[in-house]
Amino acid sequence: MERDEEQLSARPALETEGLRFLHVTVGSLLASYGWYILFACVLLYVVFQKLSVRLRALRQRQLDQAEAALEPDVVVKRQEALAAARLKMQEDLNAQVEKHKEKLRQLEEEKRRQKIEMWESMQEGRSYRRNAGKPQEEDSPGPSTSSVIPKRKSDKKPLRGGGYNPLTGEGGGTCSWRPGRRGPSSGG
């Protein structure tokens, strides 16, 4: 009997000591890392929600594909629609190619016509540079009545301003170096 009493009295002491140890370790763990654990749990919850939605959608798609594979009419309709869409896209592309080719032909024809006009003007002794910028008007077959021919500006920008010379120290902007004064400093 004494043995049974010793076992009963020893057992609650071990259980209370284990509970105290568990309380101390869990309490210190929550005190140190409580916010991190809370944020991790919230993050895991959100991730599981997103993944479960995607997995449901994936399963639904797989079921739809399995049903479509069983029905040959659906597969044939889908392939016909895909072929029709491809054919329409190809026709659109062909139309764009034809428009582009026509535009290139017109540009080539315009260049050829300008070269012919330039050659003819050179043969007559007139300047051909006037014709390079804009085509000659058909209304005036003779030379133009104005004696001043405007020159075409070049599209190139100059590398730097016209008045810049690094040796003079002028025109370069605000940073100009000047040598210090000669003689002793008058500080005092």
N, C-alpha and C. Protein backbone atom coordinates (compact mmCIF):
# COMPACT_ATOMS: atom_id res chain seq x y z
N MET A 1 0.79 -1.19 0.00
CA MET A 1 0.00 0.00 0.00
C MET A 1 0.84 1.26 0.00
N GLU A 2 1.87 1.23 0.72
CA GLU A 2 2.74 2.39 0.76
C GLU A 2 3.35 2.65 -0.61
N ARG A 3 3.58 1.57 -1.28
CA ARG A 3 4.12 1.72 -2.63
C ARG A 3 3.16 2.44 -3.54
N ASP A 4 1.92 2.11 -3.46
CA ASP A 4 0.90 2.75 -4.28
C ASP A 4 0.78 4.23 -3.93
N GLU A 5 0.88 4.55 -2.64
CA GLU A 5 0.79 5.95 -2.23
C GLU A 5 1.99 6.74 -2.73
N GLU A 6 3.16 6.13 -2.73
CA GLU A 6 4.36 6.81 -3.22
C GLU A 6 4.25 7.10 -4.71
N GLN A 7 3.71 6.14 -5.43
CA GLN A 7 3.55 6.34 -6.87
C GLN A 7 2.55 7.46 -7.16
N LEU A 8 1.47 7.52 -6.39
CA LEU A 8 0.47 8.56 -6.58
C LEU A 8 1.03 9.93 -6.21
N SER A 9 1.79 10.02 -5.14
CA SER A 9 2.33 11.32 -4.73
C SER A 9 3.46 11.76 -5.65
N ALA A 10 4.23 10.82 -6.21
CA ALA A 10 5.34 11.17 -7.12
C ALA A 10 4.81 11.58 -8.49
N ARG A 11 3.74 11.01 -8.89
CA ARG A 11 3.20 11.29 -10.22
C ARG A 11 2.72 12.74 -10.36
N PRO A 12 1.96 13.29 -9.46
CA PRO A 12 1.53 14.68 -9.62
C PRO A 12 2.71 15.65 -9.58
N ALA A 13 3.73 15.36 -8.84
CA ALA A 13 4.89 16.26 -8.78
C ALA A 13 5.58 16.31 -10.13
N LEU A 14 5.72 15.17 -10.80
CA LEU A 14 6.35 15.13 -12.12
C LEU A 14 5.48 15.85 -13.14
N GLU A 15 4.17 15.66 -13.04
CA GLU A 15 3.27 16.33 -13.98
C GLU A 15 3.29 17.83 -13.79
N THR A 16 3.28 18.30 -12.57
CA THR A 16 3.32 19.74 -12.32
C THR A 16 4.64 20.33 -12.73
N GLU A 17 5.72 19.57 -12.52
CA GLU A 17 7.04 20.06 -12.95
C GLU A 17 7.10 20.15 -14.47
N GLY A 18 6.55 19.19 -15.19
CA GLY A 18 6.51 19.21 -16.65
C GLY A 18 5.65 20.36 -17.16
N LEU A 19 4.52 20.60 -16.48
CA LEU A 19 3.67 21.71 -16.88
C LEU A 19 4.36 23.05 -16.64
N ARG A 20 5.07 23.16 -15.53
CA ARG A 20 5.81 24.40 -15.27
C ARG A 20 6.88 24.63 -16.32
N PHE A 21 7.63 23.55 -16.64
CA PHE A 21 8.68 23.66 -17.67
C PHE A 21 8.08 24.07 -19.02
N LEU A 22 6.95 23.44 -19.37
CA LEU A 22 6.27 23.77 -20.62
C LEU A 22 5.78 25.21 -20.60
N HIS A 23 5.23 25.64 -19.49
CA HIS A 23 4.74 27.02 -19.36
C HIS A 23 5.89 28.02 -19.49
N VAL A 24 7.01 27.74 -18.88
CA VAL A 24 8.15 28.66 -18.94
C VAL A 24 8.73 28.72 -20.35
N THR A 25 8.93 27.58 -21.00
CA THR A 25 9.53 27.59 -22.34
C THR A 25 8.59 28.20 -23.37
N VAL A 26 7.32 27.83 -23.32
CA VAL A 26 6.37 28.40 -24.28
C VAL A 26 6.18 29.89 -24.03
N GLY A 27 6.12 30.28 -22.78
CA GLY A 27 5.97 31.69 -22.45
C GLY A 27 7.16 32.51 -22.92
N SER A 28 8.36 32.01 -22.70
CA SER A 28 9.54 32.77 -23.16
C SER A 28 9.61 32.79 -24.69
N LEU A 29 9.22 31.71 -25.33
CA LEU A 29 9.22 31.67 -26.79
C LEU A 29 8.23 32.69 -27.35
N LEU A 30 7.03 32.75 -26.81
CA LEU A 30 6.04 33.71 -27.27
C LEU A 30 6.45 35.14 -26.93
N ALA A 31 7.09 35.33 -25.81
CA ALA A 31 7.53 36.68 -25.45
C ALA A 31 8.62 37.16 -26.39
N SER A 32 9.48 36.27 -26.83
CA SER A 32 10.58 36.67 -27.71
C SER A 32 10.15 36.77 -29.18
N TYR A 33 9.39 35.80 -29.64
CA TYR A 33 9.08 35.72 -31.07
C TYR A 33 7.58 35.74 -31.36
N GLY A 34 6.80 36.31 -30.52
CA GLY A 34 5.34 36.28 -30.67
C GLY A 34 4.85 36.95 -31.93
N TRP A 35 5.33 38.15 -32.22
CA TRP A 35 4.88 38.87 -33.40
C TRP A 35 5.31 38.16 -34.68
N TYR A 36 6.53 37.62 -34.65
CA TYR A 36 7.00 36.89 -35.84
C TYR A 36 6.13 35.67 -36.10
N ILE A 37 5.79 34.97 -35.04
CA ILE A 37 4.95 33.78 -35.19
C ILE A 37 3.56 34.18 -35.71
N LEU A 38 3.02 35.26 -35.18
CA LEU A 38 1.70 35.73 -35.64
C LEU A 38 1.73 36.10 -37.12
N PHE A 39 2.73 36.87 -37.54
CA PHE A 39 2.83 37.25 -38.96
C PHE A 39 3.05 36.04 -39.85
N ALA A 40 3.83 35.07 -39.39
CA ALA A 40 4.06 33.86 -40.18
C ALA A 40 2.76 33.08 -40.33
N CYS A 41 1.96 33.00 -39.27
CA CYS A 41 0.68 32.28 -39.36
C CYS A 41 -0.27 32.98 -40.33
N VAL A 42 -0.34 34.31 -40.26
CA VAL A 42 -1.20 35.05 -41.18
C VAL A 42 -0.73 34.85 -42.62
N LEU A 43 0.57 34.92 -42.84
CA LEU A 43 1.13 34.73 -44.18
C LEU A 43 0.82 33.32 -44.70
N LEU A 44 0.99 32.31 -43.86
CA LEU A 44 0.68 30.94 -44.28
C LEU A 44 -0.81 30.80 -44.61
N TYR A 45 -1.66 31.44 -43.83
CA TYR A 45 -3.09 31.39 -44.11
C TYR A 45 -3.42 31.98 -45.48
N VAL A 46 -2.84 33.13 -45.77
CA VAL A 46 -3.10 33.79 -47.06
C VAL A 46 -2.56 32.94 -48.21
N VAL A 47 -1.36 32.38 -48.04
CA VAL A 47 -0.78 31.54 -49.10
C VAL A 47 -1.64 30.31 -49.34
N PHE A 48 -2.10 29.67 -48.27
CA PHE A 48 -2.95 28.49 -48.45
C PHE A 48 -4.26 28.84 -49.13
N GLN A 49 -4.83 29.99 -48.82
CA GLN A 49 -6.06 30.41 -49.48
C GLN A 49 -5.84 30.60 -50.99
N LYS A 50 -4.74 31.29 -51.36
CA LYS A 50 -4.45 31.51 -52.78
C LYS A 50 -4.19 30.19 -53.49
N LEU A 51 -3.41 29.32 -52.86
CA LEU A 51 -3.10 28.05 -53.50
C LEU A 51 -4.35 27.17 -53.64
N SER A 52 -5.22 27.21 -52.65
CA SER A 52 -6.42 26.37 -52.75
C SER A 52 -7.32 26.85 -53.89
N VAL A 53 -7.40 28.17 -54.11
CA VAL A 53 -8.20 28.69 -55.23
C VAL A 53 -7.59 28.25 -56.56
N ARG A 54 -6.27 28.35 -56.66
CA ARG A 54 -5.62 27.94 -57.91
C ARG A 54 -5.73 26.44 -58.14
N LEU A 55 -5.60 25.67 -57.08
CA LEU A 55 -5.72 24.22 -57.24
C LEU A 55 -7.13 23.83 -57.67
N ARG A 56 -8.15 24.50 -57.11
CA ARG A 56 -9.52 24.22 -57.54
C ARG A 56 -9.71 24.56 -59.02
N ALA A 57 -9.17 25.70 -59.45
CA ALA A 57 -9.29 26.08 -60.86
C ALA A 57 -8.55 25.09 -61.76
N LEU A 58 -7.38 24.65 -61.31
CA LEU A 58 -6.60 23.68 -62.09
C LEU A 58 -7.35 22.36 -62.21
N ARG A 59 -7.93 21.90 -61.11
CA ARG A 59 -8.71 20.65 -61.16
C ARG A 59 -9.91 20.78 -62.08
N GLN A 60 -10.57 21.95 -62.02
CA GLN A 60 -11.74 22.17 -62.88
C GLN A 60 -11.33 22.15 -64.36
N ARG A 61 -10.17 22.79 -64.67
CA ARG A 61 -9.68 22.77 -66.05
C ARG A 61 -9.36 21.36 -66.51
N GLN A 62 -8.74 20.59 -65.63
CA GLN A 62 -8.41 19.22 -65.99
C GLN A 62 -9.67 18.40 -66.24
N LEU A 63 -10.69 18.63 -65.42
CA LEU A 63 -11.96 17.92 -65.64
C LEU A 63 -12.60 18.33 -66.96
N ASP A 64 -12.56 19.62 -67.26
CA ASP A 64 -13.12 20.10 -68.53
C ASP A 64 -12.36 19.51 -69.72
N GLN A 65 -11.05 19.44 -69.60
CA GLN A 65 -10.26 18.86 -70.69
C GLN A 65 -10.54 17.37 -70.84
N ALA A 66 -10.72 16.71 -69.74
CA ALA A 66 -11.03 15.28 -69.81
C ALA A 66 -12.39 15.06 -70.48
N GLU A 67 -13.36 15.92 -70.15
CA GLU A 67 -14.68 15.81 -70.79
C GLU A 67 -14.59 16.15 -72.27
N ALA A 68 -13.79 17.15 -72.61
CA ALA A 68 -13.65 17.54 -74.02
C ALA A 68 -12.94 16.44 -74.80
N ALA A 69 -12.02 15.76 -74.17
CA ALA A 69 -11.32 14.68 -74.86
C ALA A 69 -12.28 13.52 -75.14
N LEU A 70 -13.27 13.36 -74.29
CA LEU A 70 -14.23 12.29 -74.50
C LEU A 70 -15.23 12.63 -75.59
N GLU A 71 -15.48 13.92 -75.82
CA GLU A 71 -16.44 14.34 -76.84
C GLU A 71 -15.69 14.80 -78.10
N PRO A 72 -15.69 14.01 -79.14
CA PRO A 72 -14.93 14.38 -80.35
C PRO A 72 -15.52 15.58 -81.09
N ASP A 73 -16.83 15.80 -80.94
CA ASP A 73 -17.44 16.95 -81.63
C ASP A 73 -16.87 18.26 -81.09
N VAL A 74 -16.67 18.32 -79.78
CA VAL A 74 -16.12 19.53 -79.17
C VAL A 74 -14.69 19.75 -79.65
N VAL A 75 -13.92 18.67 -79.74
CA VAL A 75 -12.54 18.77 -80.20
C VAL A 75 -12.50 19.26 -81.65
N VAL A 76 -13.35 18.73 -82.49
CA VAL A 76 -13.39 19.13 -83.90
C VAL A 76 -13.79 20.59 -84.03
N LYS A 77 -14.79 21.04 -83.27
CA LYS A 77 -15.21 22.44 -83.32
C LYS A 77 -14.09 23.37 -82.87
N ARG A 78 -13.40 22.96 -81.82
CA ARG A 78 -12.30 23.79 -81.32
C ARG A 78 -11.17 23.90 -82.35
N GLN A 79 -10.85 22.79 -83.00
CA GLN A 79 -9.79 22.81 -84.02
C GLN A 79 -10.23 23.64 -85.23
N GLU A 80 -11.49 23.56 -85.62
CA GLU A 80 -11.97 24.36 -86.74
C GLU A 80 -11.92 25.85 -86.41
N ALA A 81 -12.31 26.20 -85.20
CA ALA A 81 -12.26 27.61 -84.78
C ALA A 81 -10.81 28.10 -84.76
N LEU A 82 -9.90 27.26 -84.29
CA LEU A 82 -8.49 27.63 -84.27
C LEU A 82 -7.95 27.81 -85.68
N ALA A 83 -8.32 26.92 -86.59
CA ALA A 83 -7.88 27.04 -87.98
C ALA A 83 -8.45 28.29 -88.64
N ALA A 84 -9.72 28.60 -88.35
CA ALA A 84 -10.33 29.80 -88.92
C ALA A 84 -9.65 31.07 -88.39
N ALA A 85 -9.32 31.08 -87.11
CA ALA A 85 -8.63 32.25 -86.54
C ALA A 85 -7.25 32.41 -87.16
N ARG A 86 -6.55 31.30 -87.35
CA ARG A 86 -5.22 31.37 -87.99
C ARG A 86 -5.33 31.86 -89.43
N LEU A 87 -6.32 31.39 -90.15
CA LEU A 87 -6.52 31.81 -91.54
C LEU A 87 -6.81 33.31 -91.61
N LYS A 88 -7.66 33.80 -90.70
CA LYS A 88 -7.98 35.22 -90.69
C LYS A 88 -6.74 36.05 -90.38
N MET A 89 -5.95 35.61 -89.40
CA MET A 89 -4.72 36.33 -89.07
C MET A 89 -3.76 36.33 -90.25
N GLN A 90 -3.67 35.22 -90.97
CA GLN A 90 -2.78 35.15 -92.13
C GLN A 90 -3.26 36.08 -93.23
N GLU A 91 -4.57 36.16 -93.45
CA GLU A 91 -5.11 37.07 -94.47
C GLU A 91 -4.82 38.52 -94.10
N ASP A 92 -5.00 38.86 -92.83
CA ASP A 92 -4.67 40.22 -92.39
C ASP A 92 -3.20 40.53 -92.62
N LEU A 93 -2.36 39.58 -92.29
CA LEU A 93 -0.92 39.77 -92.49
C LEU A 93 -0.59 39.93 -93.97
N ASN A 94 -1.21 39.13 -94.81
CA ASN A 94 -0.98 39.25 -96.25
C ASN A 94 -1.43 40.61 -96.78
N ALA A 95 -2.57 41.11 -96.26
CA ALA A 95 -3.05 42.43 -96.69
C ALA A 95 -2.06 43.52 -96.26
N GLN A 96 -1.53 43.41 -95.05
CA GLN A 96 -0.54 44.39 -94.59
C GLN A 96 0.72 44.32 -95.44
N VAL A 97 1.13 43.12 -95.83
CA VAL A 97 2.32 42.97 -96.67
C VAL A 97 2.10 43.60 -98.03
N GLU A 98 0.90 43.41 -98.59
CA GLU A 98 0.60 44.01 -99.89
C GLU A 98 0.60 45.54 -99.81
N LYS A 99 0.02 46.09 -98.74
CA LYS A 99 0.05 47.55 -98.56
C LYS A 99 1.48 48.06 -98.45
N HIS A 100 2.28 47.33 -97.71
CA HIS A 100 3.69 47.74 -97.54
C HIS A 100 4.44 47.66 -98.87
N LYS A 101 4.19 46.61 -99.64
CA LYS A 101 4.85 46.49 -100.94
C LYS A 101 4.42 47.61 -101.87
N GLU A 102 3.13 47.95 -101.85
CA GLU A 102 2.64 49.05 -102.69
C GLU A 102 3.28 50.37 -102.28
N LYS A 103 3.41 50.58 -100.98
CA LYS A 103 4.04 51.81 -100.50
C LYS A 103 5.51 51.86 -100.93
N LEU A 104 6.20 50.72 -100.83
CA LEU A 104 7.59 50.67 -101.28
C LEU A 104 7.70 50.93 -102.78
N ARG A 105 6.76 50.37 -103.56
CA ARG A 105 6.77 50.62 -105.00
C ARG A 105 6.58 52.10 -105.29
N GLN A 106 5.66 52.73 -104.58
CA GLN A 106 5.43 54.16 -104.79
C GLN A 106 6.67 54.98 -104.42
N LEU A 107 7.30 54.61 -103.33
CA LEU A 107 8.52 55.33 -102.93
C LEU A 107 9.63 55.14 -103.97
N GLU A 108 9.77 53.93 -104.47
CA GLU A 108 10.78 53.68 -105.50
C GLU A 108 10.46 54.47 -106.77
N GLU A 109 9.19 54.52 -107.13
CA GLU A 109 8.78 55.28 -108.31
C GLU A 109 9.07 56.76 -108.11
N GLU A 110 8.81 57.28 -106.92
CA GLU A 110 9.08 58.69 -106.63
C GLU A 110 10.58 58.98 -106.69
N LYS A 111 11.38 58.07 -106.13
CA LYS A 111 12.84 58.26 -106.20
C LYS A 111 13.32 58.22 -107.64
N ARG A 112 12.79 57.28 -108.42
CA ARG A 112 13.20 57.16 -109.81
C ARG A 112 12.82 58.43 -110.58
N ARG A 113 11.60 58.94 -110.31
CA ARG A 113 11.16 60.16 -110.99
C ARG A 113 12.05 61.35 -110.59
N GLN A 114 12.41 61.44 -109.32
CA GLN A 114 13.29 62.52 -108.88
C GLN A 114 14.67 62.42 -109.52
N LYS A 115 15.18 61.19 -109.65
CA LYS A 115 16.48 61.01 -110.30
C LYS A 115 16.42 61.43 -111.76
N ILE A 116 15.30 61.08 -112.43
CA ILE A 116 15.14 61.48 -113.84
C ILE A 116 15.09 62.99 -113.95
N GLU A 117 14.31 63.64 -113.05
CA GLU A 117 14.24 65.11 -113.08
C GLU A 117 15.60 65.72 -112.79
N MET A 118 16.33 65.15 -111.85
CA MET A 118 17.66 65.66 -111.53
C MET A 118 18.59 65.52 -112.73
N TRP A 119 18.51 64.40 -113.40
CA TRP A 119 19.35 64.18 -114.58
C TRP A 119 19.00 65.17 -115.68
N GLU A 120 17.70 65.37 -115.89
CA GLU A 120 17.27 66.31 -116.92
C GLU A 120 17.71 67.73 -116.58
N SER A 121 17.60 68.11 -115.31
CA SER A 121 18.02 69.47 -114.92
C SER A 121 19.53 69.62 -115.06
N MET A 122 20.27 68.57 -114.80
CA MET A 122 21.73 68.64 -115.00
C MET A 122 22.05 68.78 -116.48
N GLN A 123 21.29 68.10 -117.34
CA GLN A 123 21.52 68.18 -118.77
C GLN A 123 21.23 69.59 -119.29
N GLU A 124 20.23 70.26 -118.68
CA GLU A 124 19.88 71.61 -119.11
C GLU A 124 20.80 72.65 -118.48
N GLY A 125 21.61 72.25 -117.51
CA GLY A 125 22.54 73.18 -116.89
C GLY A 125 22.00 73.84 -115.64
N ARG A 126 20.85 73.44 -115.18
CA ARG A 126 20.29 74.02 -113.96
C ARG A 126 20.80 73.24 -112.75
N SER A 127 20.60 73.84 -111.58
CA SER A 127 21.03 73.19 -110.34
C SER A 127 20.08 72.04 -110.04
N TYR A 128 20.62 70.96 -109.62
CA TYR A 128 19.78 69.82 -109.30
C TYR A 128 19.52 69.71 -107.81
N ARG A 129 20.15 70.53 -107.00
CA ARG A 129 19.93 70.48 -105.56
C ARG A 129 18.55 70.99 -105.18
N ARG A 130 18.01 71.89 -105.96
CA ARG A 130 16.68 72.43 -105.68
C ARG A 130 15.65 71.32 -105.76
N ASN A 131 15.84 70.41 -106.63
CA ASN A 131 14.86 69.35 -106.83
C ASN A 131 14.97 68.25 -105.79
N ALA A 132 16.08 68.21 -105.06
CA ALA A 132 16.24 67.14 -104.08
C ALA A 132 15.30 67.32 -102.90
N GLY A 133 15.07 68.58 -102.48
CA GLY A 133 14.22 68.84 -101.33
C GLY A 133 12.76 68.69 -101.64
N LYS A 134 12.28 69.34 -102.73
CA LYS A 134 10.88 69.29 -103.10
C LYS A 134 10.78 69.19 -104.62
N PRO A 135 9.77 68.51 -105.11
CA PRO A 135 9.66 68.35 -106.57
C PRO A 135 9.31 69.67 -107.25
N GLN A 136 9.75 69.79 -108.49
CA GLN A 136 9.53 71.02 -109.27
C GLN A 136 8.06 71.11 -109.67
N GLU A 137 7.53 72.33 -109.67
CA GLU A 137 6.12 72.52 -110.01
C GLU A 137 5.94 72.37 -111.52
N GLU A 138 4.81 71.80 -111.89
CA GLU A 138 4.52 71.57 -113.31
C GLU A 138 4.03 72.85 -113.99
N ASP A 139 3.52 73.83 -113.20
CA ASP A 139 2.94 75.04 -113.80
C ASP A 139 3.99 75.92 -114.46
N SER A 140 5.18 75.99 -113.89
CA SER A 140 6.20 76.89 -114.44
C SER A 140 7.29 76.09 -115.16
N PRO A 141 7.20 75.97 -116.48
CA PRO A 141 8.20 75.19 -117.21
C PRO A 141 9.54 75.92 -117.31
N GLY A 142 9.54 77.25 -117.26
CA GLY A 142 10.78 78.01 -117.40
C GLY A 142 11.47 78.17 -116.06
N PRO A 143 12.58 78.94 -116.07
CA PRO A 143 13.28 79.19 -114.82
C PRO A 143 12.42 80.06 -113.91
N SER A 144 12.69 80.00 -112.63
CA SER A 144 11.88 80.75 -111.66
C SER A 144 12.16 82.24 -111.78
N THR A 145 11.16 83.06 -111.42
CA THR A 145 11.29 84.51 -111.54
C THR A 145 12.09 85.10 -110.40
N SER A 146 12.15 84.45 -109.26
CA SER A 146 12.93 85.01 -108.15
C SER A 146 14.39 84.64 -108.33
N SER A 147 15.25 85.61 -108.03
CA SER A 147 16.68 85.38 -108.20
C SER A 147 17.31 84.76 -106.96
N VAL A 148 16.61 84.76 -105.82
CA VAL A 148 17.16 84.22 -104.58
C VAL A 148 16.63 82.80 -104.40
N ILE A 149 17.52 81.86 -104.30
CA ILE A 149 17.15 80.47 -104.08
C ILE A 149 17.49 80.15 -102.63
N PRO A 150 16.49 79.81 -101.82
CA PRO A 150 16.81 79.52 -100.41
C PRO A 150 17.61 78.22 -100.31
N LYS A 151 18.65 78.28 -99.46
CA LYS A 151 19.47 77.09 -99.26
C LYS A 151 18.84 76.24 -98.17
N ARG A 152 18.96 74.97 -98.35
CA ARG A 152 18.41 74.04 -97.37
C ARG A 152 19.39 73.87 -96.22
N LYS A 153 18.91 73.97 -95.00
CA LYS A 153 19.77 73.82 -93.83
C LYS A 153 20.06 72.34 -93.64
N SER A 154 21.24 72.07 -93.18
CA SER A 154 21.59 70.68 -92.94
C SER A 154 20.95 70.23 -91.63
N ASP A 155 20.63 68.96 -91.58
CA ASP A 155 19.98 68.41 -90.40
C ASP A 155 20.97 68.13 -89.29
N LYS A 156 22.26 68.23 -89.56
CA LYS A 156 23.26 67.91 -88.55
C LYS A 156 23.42 69.07 -87.58
N LYS A 157 23.56 68.72 -86.29
CA LYS A 157 23.82 69.73 -85.28
C LYS A 157 25.33 69.94 -85.19
N PRO A 158 25.75 71.17 -84.91
CA PRO A 158 27.18 71.36 -84.70
C PRO A 158 27.60 70.70 -83.38
N LEU A 159 28.86 70.31 -83.31
CA LEU A 159 29.31 69.64 -82.11
C LEU A 159 29.32 70.55 -80.90
N ARG A 160 29.67 71.81 -81.09
CA ARG A 160 29.62 72.78 -80.01
C ARG A 160 29.36 74.15 -80.59
N GLY A 161 29.14 75.11 -79.72
CA GLY A 161 28.82 76.46 -80.17
C GLY A 161 29.92 77.04 -81.04
N GLY A 162 29.57 77.99 -81.89
CA GLY A 162 30.53 78.55 -82.82
C GLY A 162 31.63 79.36 -82.15
N GLY A 163 31.37 79.98 -81.00
CA GLY A 163 32.36 80.83 -80.37
C GLY A 163 33.18 80.13 -79.32
N TYR A 164 33.16 78.85 -79.27
CA TYR A 164 33.87 78.15 -78.21
C TYR A 164 35.32 77.91 -78.60
N ASN A 165 36.21 78.33 -77.74
CA ASN A 165 37.63 78.03 -77.90
C ASN A 165 38.17 77.73 -76.51
N PRO A 166 38.64 76.54 -76.26
CA PRO A 166 39.07 76.20 -74.90
C PRO A 166 40.33 76.95 -74.47
N LEU A 167 41.09 77.49 -75.41
CA LEU A 167 42.33 78.17 -75.04
C LEU A 167 42.09 79.59 -74.54
N THR A 168 40.98 80.20 -74.91
CA THR A 168 40.73 81.58 -74.50
C THR A 168 40.06 81.67 -73.14
N GLY A 169 39.38 80.62 -72.71
CA GLY A 169 38.69 80.67 -71.44
C GLY A 169 37.35 81.34 -71.53
N GLU A 170 36.90 81.68 -72.72
CA GLU A 170 35.61 82.34 -72.91
C GLU A 170 34.64 81.38 -73.59
N GLY A 171 33.38 81.66 -73.41
CA GLY A 171 32.36 80.94 -74.16
C GLY A 171 32.14 79.51 -73.72
N GLY A 172 32.82 79.08 -72.71
CA GLY A 172 32.69 77.70 -72.30
C GLY A 172 31.63 77.49 -71.23
N GLY A 173 31.10 78.55 -70.70
CA GLY A 173 30.10 78.40 -69.65
C GLY A 173 30.53 79.13 -68.40
N THR A 174 30.09 78.64 -67.28
CA THR A 174 30.32 79.36 -66.03
C THR A 174 31.60 78.94 -65.33
N CYS A 175 32.16 77.82 -65.68
CA CYS A 175 33.35 77.39 -64.95
C CYS A 175 34.60 77.84 -65.69
N SER A 176 35.15 78.94 -65.24
CA SER A 176 36.40 79.41 -65.82
C SER A 176 37.42 79.53 -64.70
N TRP A 177 38.62 79.12 -64.96
CA TRP A 177 39.65 79.13 -63.94
C TRP A 177 40.46 80.41 -64.07
N ARG A 178 40.72 81.03 -62.95
CA ARG A 178 41.55 82.22 -62.92
C ARG A 178 42.68 81.98 -61.94
N PRO A 179 43.86 82.39 -62.27
CA PRO A 179 44.98 82.16 -61.34
C PRO A 179 44.85 83.08 -60.13
N GLY A 180 45.43 82.64 -59.02
CA GLY A 180 45.38 83.41 -57.79
C GLY A 180 46.24 84.66 -57.87
N ARG A 181 46.07 85.57 -56.93
CA ARG A 181 46.83 86.81 -56.92
C ARG A 181 48.27 86.54 -56.53
N ARG A 182 49.14 87.33 -57.07
CA ARG A 182 50.54 87.20 -56.70
C ARG A 182 50.81 87.95 -55.40
N GLY A 183 51.78 87.57 -54.75
CA GLY A 183 52.18 88.29 -53.56
C GLY A 183 51.69 87.62 -52.29
N PRO A 184 52.13 88.16 -51.17
CA PRO A 184 51.73 87.55 -49.89
C PRO A 184 50.28 87.82 -49.59
N SER A 185 49.72 86.92 -48.85
CA SER A 185 48.32 87.10 -48.48
C SER A 185 48.23 88.17 -47.40
N SER A 186 47.23 89.00 -47.49
CA SER A 186 47.08 90.06 -46.50
C SER A 186 46.00 89.67 -45.51
N GLY A 187 46.34 88.75 -44.68
CA GLY A 187 45.35 88.25 -43.74
C GLY A 187 45.41 88.89 -42.39
N GLY A 188 46.25 89.89 -42.18
CA GLY A 188 46.17 90.34 -40.87
C GLY A 188 47.01 91.24 -40.24
